[in-house]
Amino acid sequence: MDGILPGMTPRRVDWDGAVNAWQVAGDVYRMGRREWVTAGGWQQMYDDGVRTVIDLRTSGERQPRDSDPDVPAELLRRFEVLHCPTEDPDAEEFGELFGPYLKDPAHYGDYLRLFAGQLAAVFKAIAAARGKVVVHCSAGRDRSGIIAVMLQLLAGAGEEEIVQGYRQGMRGINERHRTHGVPHVHERYLDDASLEALLRIREVSLLEFIRALDVQGFLAANGLTAAEIEAVRRKVKESPANH
């Protein structure tokens, strides 16, 4: 694997209520569903410079839960929330390839093939975004994980940092399952040994995906201009102010 470059490993972010929240690179962050974030957490996000939140979920997933904290509408209005679903679960090959949802890097390449336009739209949104950006899905693991991998590659991260980012996302949501239970029958909490064994398998698939991926070529082939790609690069450019 490549050597680790200073400051390129994703950093944990402790906004109150946020689950599986990490700084991907530069001015872009990832996390699980935003409805978990408390009013205090939203204020922390604002104080950290976040102004744009990009929701990768489909419309059917964006439902509030009884346990979600109350957040004043006037606080939420400080942010631009963009809905950029990365997938169509009704697509012909979806269930055959991914089961109920995407959960394995072995399928990331197929995901890019099936939903190239929708994934490219996320990067168009990042390029045009105001302020710092949070990208989130439901668990903060796979959909936001694909976006994170692509952003890290654009930022110049090496393989070790990208694998570490994936491990962090897996461990982050697994810890949520330990403390709050699993949301449905397709998930379960894994003890340390079981999680480590699964990670070793999935890291092999993740590395295959990374090594086969030309992010700039993918984005250019799916509608991003050179100026938009450069704007995304600026968002993930590392600087001392980000640490």
C-alpha atoms as a PDB file:
ATOM      1  CA  MET A   1       0.000   0.000   0.000  1.00  0.00           C
ATOM      2  CA  ASP A   2       1.008   3.616  -0.388  1.00  0.00           C
ATOM      3  CA  GLY A   3       2.529   5.457   2.554  1.00  0.00           C
ATOM      4  CA  ILE A   4       0.303   7.633   4.689  1.00  0.00           C
ATOM      5  CA  LEU A   5       0.461  11.321   3.861  1.00  0.00           C
ATOM      6  CA  PRO A   6       0.224  13.727   6.827  1.00  0.00           C
ATOM      7  CA  GLY A   7      -3.331  14.789   7.600  1.00  0.00           C
ATOM      8  CA  MET A   8      -5.002  12.548   5.008  1.00  0.00           C
ATOM      9  CA  THR A   9      -6.587  10.007   7.371  1.00  0.00           C
ATOM     10  CA  PRO A  10     -10.263  10.833   8.084  1.00  0.00           C
ATOM     11  CA  ARG A  11     -10.728  12.568  11.445  1.00  0.00           C
ATOM     12  CA  ARG A  12     -13.612  11.872  13.813  1.00  0.00           C
ATOM     13  CA  VAL A  13     -16.065  14.737  14.298  1.00  0.00           C
ATOM     14  CA  ASP A  14     -17.969  15.061  17.577  1.00  0.00           C
ATOM     15  CA  TRP A  15     -21.065  17.087  16.693  1.00  0.00           C
ATOM     16  CA  ASP A  16     -23.673  16.306  19.343  1.00  0.00           C
ATOM     17  CA  GLY A  17     -25.913  13.465  18.225  1.00  0.00           C
ATOM     18  CA  ALA A  18     -24.077  12.863  14.954  1.00  0.00           C
ATOM     19  CA  VAL A  19     -23.449   9.186  14.223  1.00  0.00           C
ATOM     20  CA  ASN A  20     -20.427   7.932  12.306  1.00  0.00           C
ATOM     21  CA  ALA A  21     -19.289  11.486  11.523  1.00  0.00           C
ATOM     22  CA  TRP A  22     -15.858  12.008   9.958  1.00  0.00           C
ATOM     23  CA  GLN A  23     -13.941  14.674   8.111  1.00  0.00           C
ATOM     24  CA  VAL A  24     -13.257  13.037   4.751  1.00  0.00           C
ATOM     25  CA  ALA A  25     -10.786  15.635   3.471  1.00  0.00           C
ATOM     26  CA  GLY A  26     -10.566  19.407   3.501  1.00  0.00           C
ATOM     27  CA  ASP A  27     -14.031  20.945   3.758  1.00  0.00           C
ATOM     28  CA  VAL A  28     -16.074  17.765   3.240  1.00  0.00           C
ATOM     29  CA  TYR A  29     -17.507  15.514   5.963  1.00  0.00           C
ATOM     30  CA  ARG A  30     -19.594  12.338   6.029  1.00  0.00           C
ATOM     31  CA  MET A  31     -22.018  10.906   8.574  1.00  0.00           C
ATOM     32  CA  GLY A  32     -25.150   8.838   9.173  1.00  0.00           C
ATOM     33  CA  ARG A  33     -28.690  10.228   8.987  1.00  0.00           C
ATOM     34  CA  ARG A  34     -28.870  13.919   9.873  1.00  0.00           C
ATOM     35  CA  GLU A  35     -32.018  13.481  11.958  1.00  0.00           C
ATOM     36  CA  TRP A  36     -29.844  12.052  14.740  1.00  0.00           C
ATOM     37  CA  VAL A  37     -28.073  15.400  15.177  1.00  0.00           C
ATOM     38  CA  THR A  38     -29.320  17.497  18.103  1.00  0.00           C
ATOM     39  CA  ALA A  39     -29.867  21.254  18.057  1.00  0.00           C
ATOM     40  CA  GLY A  40     -26.512  21.604  19.783  1.00  0.00           C
ATOM     41  CA  GLY A  41     -24.901  19.450  17.121  1.00  0.00           C
ATOM     42  CA  TRP A  42     -26.368  21.554  14.307  1.00  0.00           C
ATOM     43  CA  GLN A  43     -24.978  24.650  15.996  1.00  0.00           C
ATOM     44  CA  GLN A  44     -21.567  22.976  16.213  1.00  0.00           C
ATOM     45  CA  MET A  45     -21.769  22.162  12.503  1.00  0.00           C
ATOM     46  CA  TYR A  46     -22.569  25.788  11.742  1.00  0.00           C
ATOM     47  CA  ASP A  47     -19.739  27.020  13.949  1.00  0.00           C
ATOM     48  CA  ASP A  48     -17.376  24.678  12.081  1.00  0.00           C
ATOM     49  CA  GLY A  49     -18.340  26.304   8.789  1.00  0.00           C
ATOM     50  CA  VAL A  50     -20.821  23.777   7.410  1.00  0.00           C
ATOM     51  CA  ARG A  51     -23.460  25.415   5.240  1.00  0.00           C
ATOM     52  CA  THR A  52     -24.487  22.610   2.864  1.00  0.00           C
ATOM     53  CA  VAL A  53     -25.833  19.145   3.683  1.00  0.00           C
ATOM     54  CA  ILE A  54     -26.214  16.579   0.888  1.00  0.00           C
ATOM     55  CA  ASP A  55     -28.643  13.733   1.593  1.00  0.00           C
ATOM     56  CA  LEU A  56     -27.899  10.598  -0.447  1.00  0.00           C
ATOM     57  CA  ARG A  57     -31.010   8.693   0.641  1.00  0.00           C
ATOM     58  CA  THR A  58     -34.081   7.932  -1.426  1.00  0.00           C
ATOM     59  CA  SER A  59     -37.335   9.712  -0.596  1.00  0.00           C
ATOM     60  CA  GLY A  60     -38.722   6.680   1.231  1.00  0.00           C
ATOM     61  CA  GLU A  61     -35.833   6.733   3.699  1.00  0.00           C
ATOM     62  CA  ARG A  62     -36.194  10.358   4.714  1.00  0.00           C
ATOM     63  CA  GLN A  63     -38.772   9.721   7.405  1.00  0.00           C
ATOM     64  CA  PRO A  64     -38.500  11.071  10.958  1.00  0.00           C
ATOM     65  CA  ARG A  65     -38.424   8.672  13.901  1.00  0.00           C
ATOM     66  CA  ASP A  66     -40.040   9.148  17.281  1.00  0.00           C
ATOM     67  CA  SER A  67     -36.622   9.108  18.941  1.00  0.00           C
ATOM     68  CA  ASP A  68     -35.197  11.896  16.749  1.00  0.00           C
ATOM     69  CA  PRO A  69     -34.350  15.077  18.691  1.00  0.00           C
ATOM     70  CA  ASP A  70     -36.326  18.264  18.127  1.00  0.00           C
ATOM     71  CA  VAL A  71     -34.369  20.906  16.222  1.00  0.00           C
ATOM     72  CA  PRO A  72     -35.703  24.465  15.790  1.00  0.00           C
ATOM     73  CA  ALA A  73     -36.704  25.215  12.212  1.00  0.00           C
ATOM     74  CA  GLU A  74     -34.900  28.546  12.313  1.00  0.00           C
ATOM     75  CA  LEU A  75     -31.635  26.723  13.049  1.00  0.00           C
ATOM     76  CA  LEU A  76     -32.128  24.296  10.160  1.00  0.00           C
ATOM     77  CA  ARG A  77     -32.851  27.181   7.809  1.00  0.00           C
ATOM     78  CA  ARG A  78     -29.218  28.258   8.170  1.00  0.00           C
ATOM     79  CA  PHE A  79     -28.258  25.249   6.050  1.00  0.00           C
ATOM     80  CA  GLU A  80     -28.998  24.301   2.470  1.00  0.00           C
ATOM     81  CA  VAL A  81     -30.126  20.670   2.411  1.00  0.00           C
ATOM     82  CA  LEU A  82     -29.864  19.046  -1.018  1.00  0.00           C
ATOM     83  CA  HIS A  83     -31.493  15.728  -1.842  1.00  0.00           C
ATOM     84  CA  CYS A  84     -29.219  13.780  -4.188  1.00  0.00           C
ATOM     85  CA  PRO A  85     -30.289  10.111  -4.031  1.00  0.00           C
ATOM     86  CA  THR A  86     -27.520   7.911  -5.364  1.00  0.00           C
ATOM     87  CA  GLU A  87     -29.725   4.990  -6.348  1.00  0.00           C
ATOM     88  CA  ASP A  88     -33.050   3.674  -7.579  1.00  0.00           C
ATOM     89  CA  PRO A  89     -33.951   0.598  -5.499  1.00  0.00           C
ATOM     90  CA  ASP A  90     -36.474  -0.371  -8.183  1.00  0.00           C
ATOM     91  CA  ALA A  91     -33.757  -0.691 -10.822  1.00  0.00           C
ATOM     92  CA  GLU A  92     -33.851  -4.061 -12.543  1.00  0.00           C
ATOM     93  CA  GLU A  93     -30.511  -5.354 -11.239  1.00  0.00           C
ATOM     94  CA  PHE A  94     -30.643  -3.782  -7.784  1.00  0.00           C
ATOM     95  CA  GLY A  95     -31.903  -6.712  -5.725  1.00  0.00           C
ATOM     96  CA  GLU A  96     -29.873  -9.260  -7.650  1.00  0.00           C
ATOM     97  CA  LEU A  97     -26.624  -7.366  -7.108  1.00  0.00           C
ATOM     98  CA  PHE A  98     -27.049  -5.702  -3.732  1.00  0.00           C
ATOM     99  CA  GLY A  99     -29.850  -7.491  -1.888  1.00  0.00           C
ATOM    100  CA  PRO A 100     -31.968  -5.068   0.164  1.00  0.00           C
ATOM    101  CA  TYR A 101     -29.261  -2.384   0.022  1.00  0.00           C
ATOM    102  CA  LEU A 102     -25.602  -1.763  -0.799  1.00  0.00           C
ATOM    103  CA  LYS A 103     -23.375  -3.151   1.939  1.00  0.00           C
ATOM    104  CA  ASP A 104     -20.183  -4.568   0.424  1.00  0.00           C
ATOM    105  CA  PRO A 105     -17.287  -2.913  -1.464  1.00  0.00           C
ATOM    106  CA  ALA A 106     -17.308  -5.927  -3.784  1.00  0.00           C
ATOM    107  CA  HIS A 107     -20.392  -4.301  -5.331  1.00  0.00           C
ATOM    108  CA  TYR A 108     -19.171  -0.697  -5.493  1.00  0.00           C
ATOM    109  CA  GLY A 109     -18.115  -1.056  -9.133  1.00  0.00           C
ATOM    110  CA  ASP A 110     -21.558  -2.312 -10.146  1.00  0.00           C
ATOM    111  CA  TYR A 111     -23.115   0.519  -8.163  1.00  0.00           C
ATOM    112  CA  LEU A 112     -21.106   3.087 -10.124  1.00  0.00           C
ATOM    113  CA  ARG A 113     -22.101   1.407 -13.368  1.00  0.00           C
ATOM    114  CA  LEU A 114     -25.826   1.344 -12.565  1.00  0.00           C
ATOM    115  CA  PHE A 115     -26.094   4.801 -11.027  1.00  0.00           C
ATOM    116  CA  ALA A 116     -23.333   6.779 -12.714  1.00  0.00           C
ATOM    117  CA  GLY A 117     -25.469   9.838 -13.395  1.00  0.00           C
ATOM    118  CA  GLN A 118     -26.853   9.996  -9.875  1.00  0.00           C
ATOM    119  CA  LEU A 119     -23.415   9.672  -8.306  1.00  0.00           C
ATOM    120  CA  ALA A 120     -22.012  12.327 -10.621  1.00  0.00           C
ATOM    121  CA  ALA A 121     -24.846  14.639  -9.520  1.00  0.00           C
ATOM    122  CA  VAL A 122     -23.508  14.455  -5.962  1.00  0.00           C
ATOM    123  CA  PHE A 123     -20.169  15.800  -7.152  1.00  0.00           C
ATOM    124  CA  LYS A 124     -21.878  18.577  -9.100  1.00  0.00           C
ATOM    125  CA  ALA A 125     -23.595  19.527  -5.845  1.00  0.00           C
ATOM    126  CA  ILE A 126     -20.300  19.478  -3.940  1.00  0.00           C
ATOM    127  CA  ALA A 127     -18.671  21.636  -6.612  1.00  0.00           C
ATOM    128  CA  ALA A 128     -21.398  24.276  -6.296  1.00  0.00           C
ATOM    129  CA  ALA A 129     -21.865  24.016  -2.531  1.00  0.00           C
ATOM    130  CA  ARG A 130     -21.741  26.985  -0.201  1.00  0.00           C
ATOM    131  CA  GLY A 131     -19.344  26.626   2.723  1.00  0.00           C
ATOM    132  CA  LYS A 132     -18.220  23.309   4.101  1.00  0.00           C
ATOM    133  CA  VAL A 133     -20.211  20.231   3.108  1.00  0.00           C
ATOM    134  CA  VAL A 134     -21.667  17.240   4.947  1.00  0.00           C
ATOM    135  CA  VAL A 135     -22.594  14.210   2.837  1.00  0.00           C
ATOM    136  CA  HIS A 136     -24.782  11.647   4.560  1.00  0.00           C
ATOM    137  CA  CYS A 137     -26.756   8.499   3.903  1.00  0.00           C
ATOM    138  CA  SER A 138     -28.461   6.351   6.533  1.00  0.00           C
ATOM    139  CA  ALA A 139     -25.655   4.517   8.336  1.00  0.00           C
ATOM    140  CA  GLY A 140     -22.775   6.642   7.066  1.00  0.00           C
ATOM    141  CA  ARG A 141     -21.097   3.542   5.706  1.00  0.00           C
ATOM    142  CA  ASP A 142     -21.553   2.540   2.049  1.00  0.00           C
ATOM    143  CA  ARG A 143     -23.254   5.248   0.004  1.00  0.00           C
ATOM    144  CA  SER A 144     -21.401   8.011   1.782  1.00  0.00           C
ATOM    145  CA  GLY A 145     -18.454   5.608   1.743  1.00  0.00           C
ATOM    146  CA  ILE A 146     -18.325   5.486  -2.057  1.00  0.00           C
ATOM    147  CA  ILE A 147     -18.433   9.279  -2.198  1.00  0.00           C
ATOM    148  CA  ALA A 148     -15.703   9.445   0.458  1.00  0.00           C
ATOM    149  CA  VAL A 149     -13.443   7.062  -1.468  1.00  0.00           C
ATOM    150  CA  MET A 150     -13.798   9.139  -4.623  1.00  0.00           C
ATOM    151  CA  LEU A 151     -13.154  12.378  -2.744  1.00  0.00           C
ATOM    152  CA  GLN A 152     -10.098  10.935  -1.020  1.00  0.00           C
ATOM    153  CA  LEU A 153      -8.681   9.840  -4.363  1.00  0.00           C
ATOM    154  CA  LEU A 154      -9.220  13.345  -5.745  1.00  0.00           C
ATOM    155  CA  ALA A 155      -7.468  14.722  -2.658  1.00  0.00           C
ATOM    156  CA  GLY A 156      -4.451  12.503  -3.294  1.00  0.00           C
ATOM    157  CA  ALA A 157      -4.946  10.074  -0.416  1.00  0.00           C
ATOM    158  CA  GLY A 158      -3.157   6.740  -0.561  1.00  0.00           C
ATOM    159  CA  GLU A 159      -4.635   3.298  -0.202  1.00  0.00           C
ATOM    160  CA  GLU A 160      -3.940   2.988   3.524  1.00  0.00           C
ATOM    161  CA  GLU A 161      -5.834   6.176   4.335  1.00  0.00           C
ATOM    162  CA  ILE A 162      -8.790   5.126   2.187  1.00  0.00           C
ATOM    163  CA  VAL A 163      -8.938   1.686   3.784  1.00  0.00           C
ATOM    164  CA  GLN A 164      -8.701   3.334   7.200  1.00  0.00           C
ATOM    165  CA  GLY A 165     -11.657   5.546   6.290  1.00  0.00           C
ATOM    166  CA  TYR A 166     -13.709   2.474   5.386  1.00  0.00           C
ATOM    167  CA  ARG A 167     -12.744   0.753   8.635  1.00  0.00           C
ATOM    168  CA  GLN A 168     -13.792   3.838  10.590  1.00  0.00           C
ATOM    169  CA  GLY A 169     -17.201   3.887   8.908  1.00  0.00           C
ATOM    170  CA  MET A 170     -17.757   0.189   9.591  1.00  0.00           C
ATOM    171  CA  ARG A 171     -16.672   0.486  13.209  1.00  0.00           C
ATOM    172  CA  GLY A 172     -18.693   3.653  13.738  1.00  0.00           C
ATOM    173  CA  ILE A 173     -22.041   2.181  12.739  1.00  0.00           C
ATOM    174  CA  ASN A 174     -21.238  -1.121  14.465  1.00  0.00           C
ATOM    175  CA  GLU A 175     -20.765   0.813  17.705  1.00  0.00           C
ATOM    176  CA  ARG A 176     -24.149   2.466  17.147  1.00  0.00           C
ATOM    177  CA  HIS A 177     -25.666  -1.012  16.812  1.00  0.00           C
ATOM    178  CA  ARG A 178     -24.051  -2.000  20.121  1.00  0.00           C
ATOM    179  CA  THR A 179     -25.389   0.986  22.038  1.00  0.00           C
ATOM    180  CA  HIS A 180     -28.778   1.509  20.361  1.00  0.00           C
ATOM    181  CA  GLY A 181     -29.673  -1.820  18.759  1.00  0.00           C
ATOM    182  CA  VAL A 182     -30.021  -2.628  15.072  1.00  0.00           C
ATOM    183  CA  PRO A 183     -32.638  -0.885  12.896  1.00  0.00           C
ATOM    184  CA  HIS A 184     -33.808  -3.984  10.984  1.00  0.00           C
ATOM    185  CA  VAL A 185     -33.169  -7.694  10.434  1.00  0.00           C
ATOM    186  CA  HIS A 186     -30.482  -7.125   7.798  1.00  0.00           C
ATOM    187  CA  GLU A 187     -28.047  -5.625  10.323  1.00  0.00           C
ATOM    188  CA  ARG A 188     -26.477  -7.021  13.483  1.00  0.00           C
ATOM    189  CA  TYR A 189     -23.854  -6.002  15.992  1.00  0.00           C
ATOM    190  CA  LEU A 190     -20.515  -7.749  15.459  1.00  0.00           C
ATOM    191  CA  ASP A 191     -18.041  -8.428  18.246  1.00  0.00           C
ATOM    192  CA  ASP A 192     -14.449  -7.321  17.678  1.00  0.00           C
ATOM    193  CA  ALA A 193     -13.235 -10.644  16.285  1.00  0.00           C
ATOM    194  CA  SER A 194     -16.173 -11.019  13.903  1.00  0.00           C
ATOM    195  CA  LEU A 195     -15.892  -7.427  12.697  1.00  0.00           C
ATOM    196  CA  GLU A 196     -12.153  -7.736  12.126  1.00  0.00           C
ATOM    197  CA  ALA A 197     -12.640 -10.929  10.103  1.00  0.00           C
ATOM    198  CA  LEU A 198     -15.283  -9.234   7.941  1.00  0.00           C
ATOM    199  CA  LEU A 199     -13.100  -6.156   7.470  1.00  0.00           C
ATOM    200  CA  ARG A 200     -10.197  -8.259   6.209  1.00  0.00           C
ATOM    201  CA  ILE A 201     -12.448  -9.712   3.501  1.00  0.00           C
ATOM    202  CA  ARG A 202     -14.019  -6.417   2.522  1.00  0.00           C
ATOM    203  CA  GLU A 203     -10.739  -4.535   2.416  1.00  0.00           C
ATOM    204  CA  VAL A 204      -9.576  -6.810  -0.416  1.00  0.00           C
ATOM    205  CA  SER A 205     -12.645  -5.838  -2.441  1.00  0.00           C
ATOM    206  CA  LEU A 206     -12.211  -2.170  -1.553  1.00  0.00           C
ATOM    207  CA  LEU A 207      -8.628  -2.169  -2.809  1.00  0.00           C
ATOM    208  CA  GLU A 208      -9.720  -3.780  -6.076  1.00  0.00           C
ATOM    209  CA  PHE A 209     -12.322  -1.032  -6.480  1.00  0.00           C
ATOM    210  CA  ILE A 210      -9.815   1.734  -5.707  1.00  0.00           C
ATOM    211  CA  ARG A 211      -7.204   0.406  -8.126  1.00  0.00           C
ATOM    212  CA  ALA A 212      -9.704   0.131 -10.986  1.00  0.00           C
ATOM    213  CA  LEU A 213     -11.230   3.585 -10.485  1.00  0.00           C
ATOM    214  CA  ASP A 214     -10.328   6.712 -12.439  1.00  0.00           C
ATOM    215  CA  VAL A 215     -12.354   9.308 -10.543  1.00  0.00           C
ATOM    216  CA  GLN A 216     -11.605  12.251 -12.792  1.00  0.00           C
ATOM    217  CA  GLY A 217     -12.369  10.188 -15.890  1.00  0.00           C
ATOM    218  CA  PHE A 218     -15.617   8.922 -14.373  1.00  0.00           C
ATOM    219  CA  LEU A 219     -16.780  12.416 -13.470  1.00  0.00           C
ATOM    220  CA  ALA A 220     -15.844  13.860 -16.856  1.00  0.00           C
ATOM    221  CA  ALA A 221     -17.640  11.031 -18.655  1.00  0.00           C
ATOM    222  CA  ASN A 222     -20.773  11.684 -16.613  1.00  0.00           C
ATOM    223  CA  GLY A 223     -21.249  15.373 -17.153  1.00  0.00           C
ATOM    224  CA  LEU A 224     -18.873  17.283 -14.885  1.00  0.00           C
ATOM    225  CA  THR A 225     -16.889  20.043 -16.522  1.00  0.00           C
ATOM    226  CA  ALA A 226     -13.197  20.557 -15.882  1.00  0.00           C
ATOM    227  CA  ALA A 227     -14.127  23.608 -13.790  1.00  0.00           C
ATOM    228  CA  GLU A 228     -16.523  21.563 -11.649  1.00  0.00           C
ATOM    229  CA  ILE A 229     -13.938  18.843 -11.059  1.00  0.00           C
ATOM    230  CA  GLU A 230     -11.435  21.508 -10.028  1.00  0.00           C
ATOM    231  CA  ALA A 231     -14.035  23.009  -7.662  1.00  0.00           C
ATOM    232  CA  VAL A 232     -14.426  19.612  -5.985  1.00  0.00           C
ATOM    233  CA  ARG A 233     -10.647  19.334  -5.676  1.00  0.00           C
ATOM    234  CA  ARG A 234     -10.569  22.705  -3.924  1.00  0.00           C
ATOM    235  CA  LYS A 235     -13.179  21.467  -1.447  1.00  0.00           C
ATOM    236  CA  VAL A 236     -10.998  18.532  -0.443  1.00  0.00           C
ATOM    237  CA  LYS A 237      -7.657  20.310  -0.538  1.00  0.00           C
ATOM    238  CA  GLU A 238      -5.883  19.944   2.770  1.00  0.00           C
ATOM    239  CA  SER A 239      -4.769  23.061   4.635  1.00  0.00           C
ATOM    240  CA  PRO A 240      -3.548  23.737   8.185  1.00  0.00           C
ATOM    241  CA  ALA A 241      -6.909  25.363   8.965  1.00  0.00           C
ATOM    242  CA  ASN A 242      -8.619  21.990   8.626  1.00  0.00           C
ATOM    243  CA  HIS A 243      -6.743  20.391  11.521  1.00  0.00           C
END
